[in-house]
N, C-alpha and C. Protein backbone atom coordinates (compact mmCIF):
# COMPACT_ATOMS: atom_id res chain seq x y z
N MET A 1 -15.23 -8.69 -7.08
CA MET A 1 -15.50 -8.85 -5.81
C MET A 1 -14.67 -7.52 -5.04
N PRO A 2 -15.81 -6.96 -4.19
CA PRO A 2 -15.26 -5.49 -3.69
C PRO A 2 -14.22 -5.77 -2.73
N TRP A 3 -13.48 -4.70 -2.74
CA TRP A 3 -11.67 -5.05 -1.31
C TRP A 3 -12.41 -3.78 -0.41
N ASP A 4 -12.10 -4.32 0.94
CA ASP A 4 -11.51 -3.89 1.98
C ASP A 4 -10.44 -3.58 2.23
N SER A 5 -9.78 -3.16 3.92
CA SER A 5 -8.63 -3.22 4.35
C SER A 5 -7.80 -3.89 4.75
N ASP A 6 -8.88 -5.31 4.87
CA ASP A 6 -8.70 -7.01 5.30
C ASP A 6 -7.68 -7.22 4.03
N TYR A 7 -8.35 -7.31 3.33
CA TYR A 7 -8.75 -7.92 1.80
C TYR A 7 -8.55 -7.32 0.85
N TYR A 8 -7.15 -7.26 -0.03
CA TYR A 8 -6.87 -6.08 -1.33
C TYR A 8 -6.07 -7.00 -2.11
N PRO A 9 -6.16 -6.52 -3.66
CA PRO A 9 -5.27 -7.22 -4.20
C PRO A 9 -4.00 -6.93 -3.81
N ALA A 10 -2.86 -8.48 -4.23
CA ALA A 10 -1.52 -7.93 -4.50
C ALA A 10 -0.61 -6.85 -4.75
N ALA A 11 -1.18 -6.41 -5.63
CA ALA A 11 -0.50 -4.94 -6.65
C ALA A 11 -0.57 -4.10 -5.13
N MET A 12 -1.56 -4.15 -4.26
CA MET A 12 -1.77 -2.96 -3.22
C MET A 12 -1.11 -3.01 -2.06
N ARG A 13 -0.65 -4.17 -2.11
CA ARG A 13 0.21 -4.48 -0.82
C ARG A 13 1.11 -3.43 -0.50
N ASN A 14 2.47 -2.48 -1.35
CA ASN A 14 3.50 -2.19 -0.69
C ASN A 14 2.72 -0.31 -0.64
N LEU A 15 1.58 0.11 -1.31
CA LEU A 15 1.20 1.14 -1.09
C LEU A 15 1.11 1.28 0.24
N PRO A 16 1.57 2.77 0.71
CA PRO A 16 1.35 3.40 2.15
C PRO A 16 -0.32 3.52 2.26
N PRO A 17 -0.21 2.82 3.88
CA PRO A 17 -2.06 2.86 3.84
C PRO A 17 -2.67 3.80 3.81
N ALA A 18 -2.96 4.69 3.70
CA ALA A 18 -3.51 5.82 3.51
C ALA A 18 -3.90 5.89 1.92
N VAL A 19 -2.96 5.84 0.94
CA VAL A 19 -3.06 5.43 -0.36
C VAL A 19 -3.63 4.39 -1.17
N ARG A 20 -2.92 2.90 -0.19
CA ARG A 20 -4.18 2.21 -0.47
C ARG A 20 -5.80 2.10 0.53
N GLU A 21 -5.85 2.60 1.12
CA GLU A 21 -7.16 2.87 1.64
C GLU A 21 -8.19 4.00 0.25
N LYS A 22 -7.15 4.70 -0.10
CA LYS A 22 -8.23 5.13 -1.75
C LYS A 22 -7.88 4.30 -2.75
N ALA A 23 -6.73 3.88 -2.53
CA ALA A 23 -7.02 3.05 -3.99
C ALA A 23 -7.98 1.69 -4.15
N ILE A 24 -7.91 1.71 -2.73
CA ILE A 24 -9.24 0.46 -2.59
C ILE A 24 -10.79 1.30 -3.14
N GLU A 25 -10.73 2.31 -2.81
CA GLU A 25 -11.89 3.27 -2.56
C GLU A 25 -12.08 3.07 -4.42
N ILE A 26 -10.85 3.67 -4.83
CA ILE A 26 -10.80 4.00 -6.29
C ILE A 26 -11.51 2.68 -7.08
N ALA A 27 -10.98 1.63 -6.49
CA ALA A 27 -11.35 0.28 -7.49
C ALA A 27 -11.77 -0.28 -7.52
N ASN A 28 -13.30 -0.15 -5.98
CA ASN A 28 -14.32 -0.48 -5.60
C ASN A 28 -15.27 0.33 -6.42
N ALA A 29 -14.98 1.49 -7.16
CA ALA A 29 -16.21 2.63 -7.41
C ALA A 29 -16.10 2.23 -8.95
N LEU A 30 -14.35 1.77 -9.43
CA LEU A 30 -14.68 1.60 -10.90
C LEU A 30 -15.42 -0.24 -11.45
N LEU A 31 -15.01 -1.00 -10.49
CA LEU A 31 -15.96 -2.22 -9.96
C LEU A 31 -16.83 -1.74 -10.95
N LYS A 32 -17.72 -1.30 -9.55
CA LYS A 32 -19.24 -1.01 -9.56
C LYS A 32 -20.05 -0.26 -11.06
N ALA A 33 -19.10 0.37 -11.53
CA ALA A 33 -19.11 0.98 -12.56
C ALA A 33 -18.87 0.21 -13.87
N GLY A 34 -18.70 -1.02 -13.33
CA GLY A 34 -18.47 -1.95 -14.69
C GLY A 34 -17.04 -2.39 -15.52
N HIS A 35 -16.04 -1.30 -14.70
CA HIS A 35 -14.73 -1.70 -15.90
C HIS A 35 -14.12 -3.63 -15.12
N GLU A 36 -13.40 -3.85 -16.24
CA GLU A 36 -13.27 -5.74 -15.66
C GLU A 36 -11.74 -5.14 -13.63
N GLU A 37 -11.69 -6.22 -13.62
CA GLU A 37 -11.03 -6.39 -12.66
C GLU A 37 -9.39 -5.59 -12.77
N GLY A 38 -8.66 -5.88 -13.14
CA GLY A 38 -7.55 -5.83 -14.05
C GLY A 38 -7.30 -4.79 -13.65
N ALA A 39 -7.99 -3.87 -14.67
CA ALA A 39 -8.44 -2.58 -15.14
C ALA A 39 -8.52 -1.74 -14.44
N ALA A 40 -9.07 -1.92 -13.57
CA ALA A 40 -9.50 -1.21 -11.78
C ALA A 40 -8.26 -0.81 -11.21
N ILE A 41 -7.55 -2.24 -10.94
CA ILE A 41 -6.42 -2.07 -10.13
C ILE A 41 -5.87 -1.33 -10.90
N ARG A 42 -5.47 -1.32 -11.74
CA ARG A 42 -4.24 -0.20 -12.40
C ARG A 42 -4.64 1.34 -12.58
N ILE A 43 -6.25 1.09 -12.52
CA ILE A 43 -6.30 2.57 -12.72
C ILE A 43 -6.02 3.20 -11.05
N ALA A 44 -6.93 2.16 -10.23
CA ALA A 44 -6.90 2.46 -8.91
C ALA A 44 -6.02 3.01 -7.99
N ILE A 45 -4.24 2.58 -8.61
CA ILE A 45 -3.19 2.36 -8.45
C ILE A 45 -3.25 3.83 -8.89
N ALA A 46 -2.75 3.39 -10.12
CA ALA A 46 -2.34 5.08 -10.37
C ALA A 46 -2.77 6.54 -10.08
N GLN A 47 -4.33 6.46 -9.92
CA GLN A 47 -5.38 7.98 -9.32
C GLN A 47 -4.76 7.93 -7.53
N ALA A 48 -4.82 6.06 -6.72
CA ALA A 48 -4.10 7.22 -5.12
C ALA A 48 -2.99 7.27 -5.50
N HIS A 49 -1.98 7.08 -5.98
CA HIS A 49 -1.08 7.53 -5.97
C HIS A 49 -0.50 9.35 -6.31
N ARG A 50 -1.16 9.79 -7.83
CA ARG A 50 -1.59 10.79 -7.66
C ARG A 50 -2.27 11.46 -6.67
N TRP A 51 -3.48 10.93 -6.01
CA TRP A 51 -4.18 11.80 -4.48
C TRP A 51 -3.12 11.65 -3.61
N GLY A 52 -2.37 10.56 -3.48
CA GLY A 52 -0.86 10.68 -2.57
C GLY A 52 -0.27 11.99 -2.44
N ALA A 53 0.01 12.01 -4.27
CA ALA A 53 1.54 12.89 -4.27
C ALA A 53 0.47 14.63 -3.71
N ARG A 54 -0.80 14.59 -3.90
CA ARG A 54 -1.52 15.83 -3.69
C ARG A 54 -1.94 16.49 -2.24
N HIS A 55 -1.70 15.18 -1.90
CA HIS A 55 -2.26 15.17 -0.14
C HIS A 55 -1.03 14.94 0.78
N SER A 56 0.42 14.82 0.71
CA SER A 56 1.52 14.45 0.92
C SER A 56 1.59 14.77 2.43
N ASN A 57 1.26 16.56 2.37
CA ASN A 57 1.67 16.64 3.19
C ASN A 57 0.87 17.06 4.06
N THR A 58 -0.67 15.98 4.64
CA THR A 58 -1.70 16.03 5.27
C THR A 58 -1.99 14.43 5.81
N ILE A 59 -1.32 13.67 4.90
CA ILE A 59 -1.37 12.23 5.35
C ILE A 59 -0.73 11.50 5.63
N ALA A 60 -0.27 10.94 7.01
CA ALA A 60 0.44 10.42 7.38
C ALA A 60 1.30 9.17 6.79
N PRO A 61 2.51 8.95 7.25
CA PRO A 61 3.40 7.73 6.49
C PRO A 61 2.88 6.74 6.67
């Protein structure tokens, strides 16, 4: 099931908003590509953390 800013996995609840939005975007893309939901969530959170670290000076807290 695709997620959005109002409905997302509980594992993404404590992420900073910008990182959460990126994780949602990545997870939805992974689901569309055929990944299982659990794997999509884990991969998306890890990738979004990396994205946030690279963009930490350009995103709001």
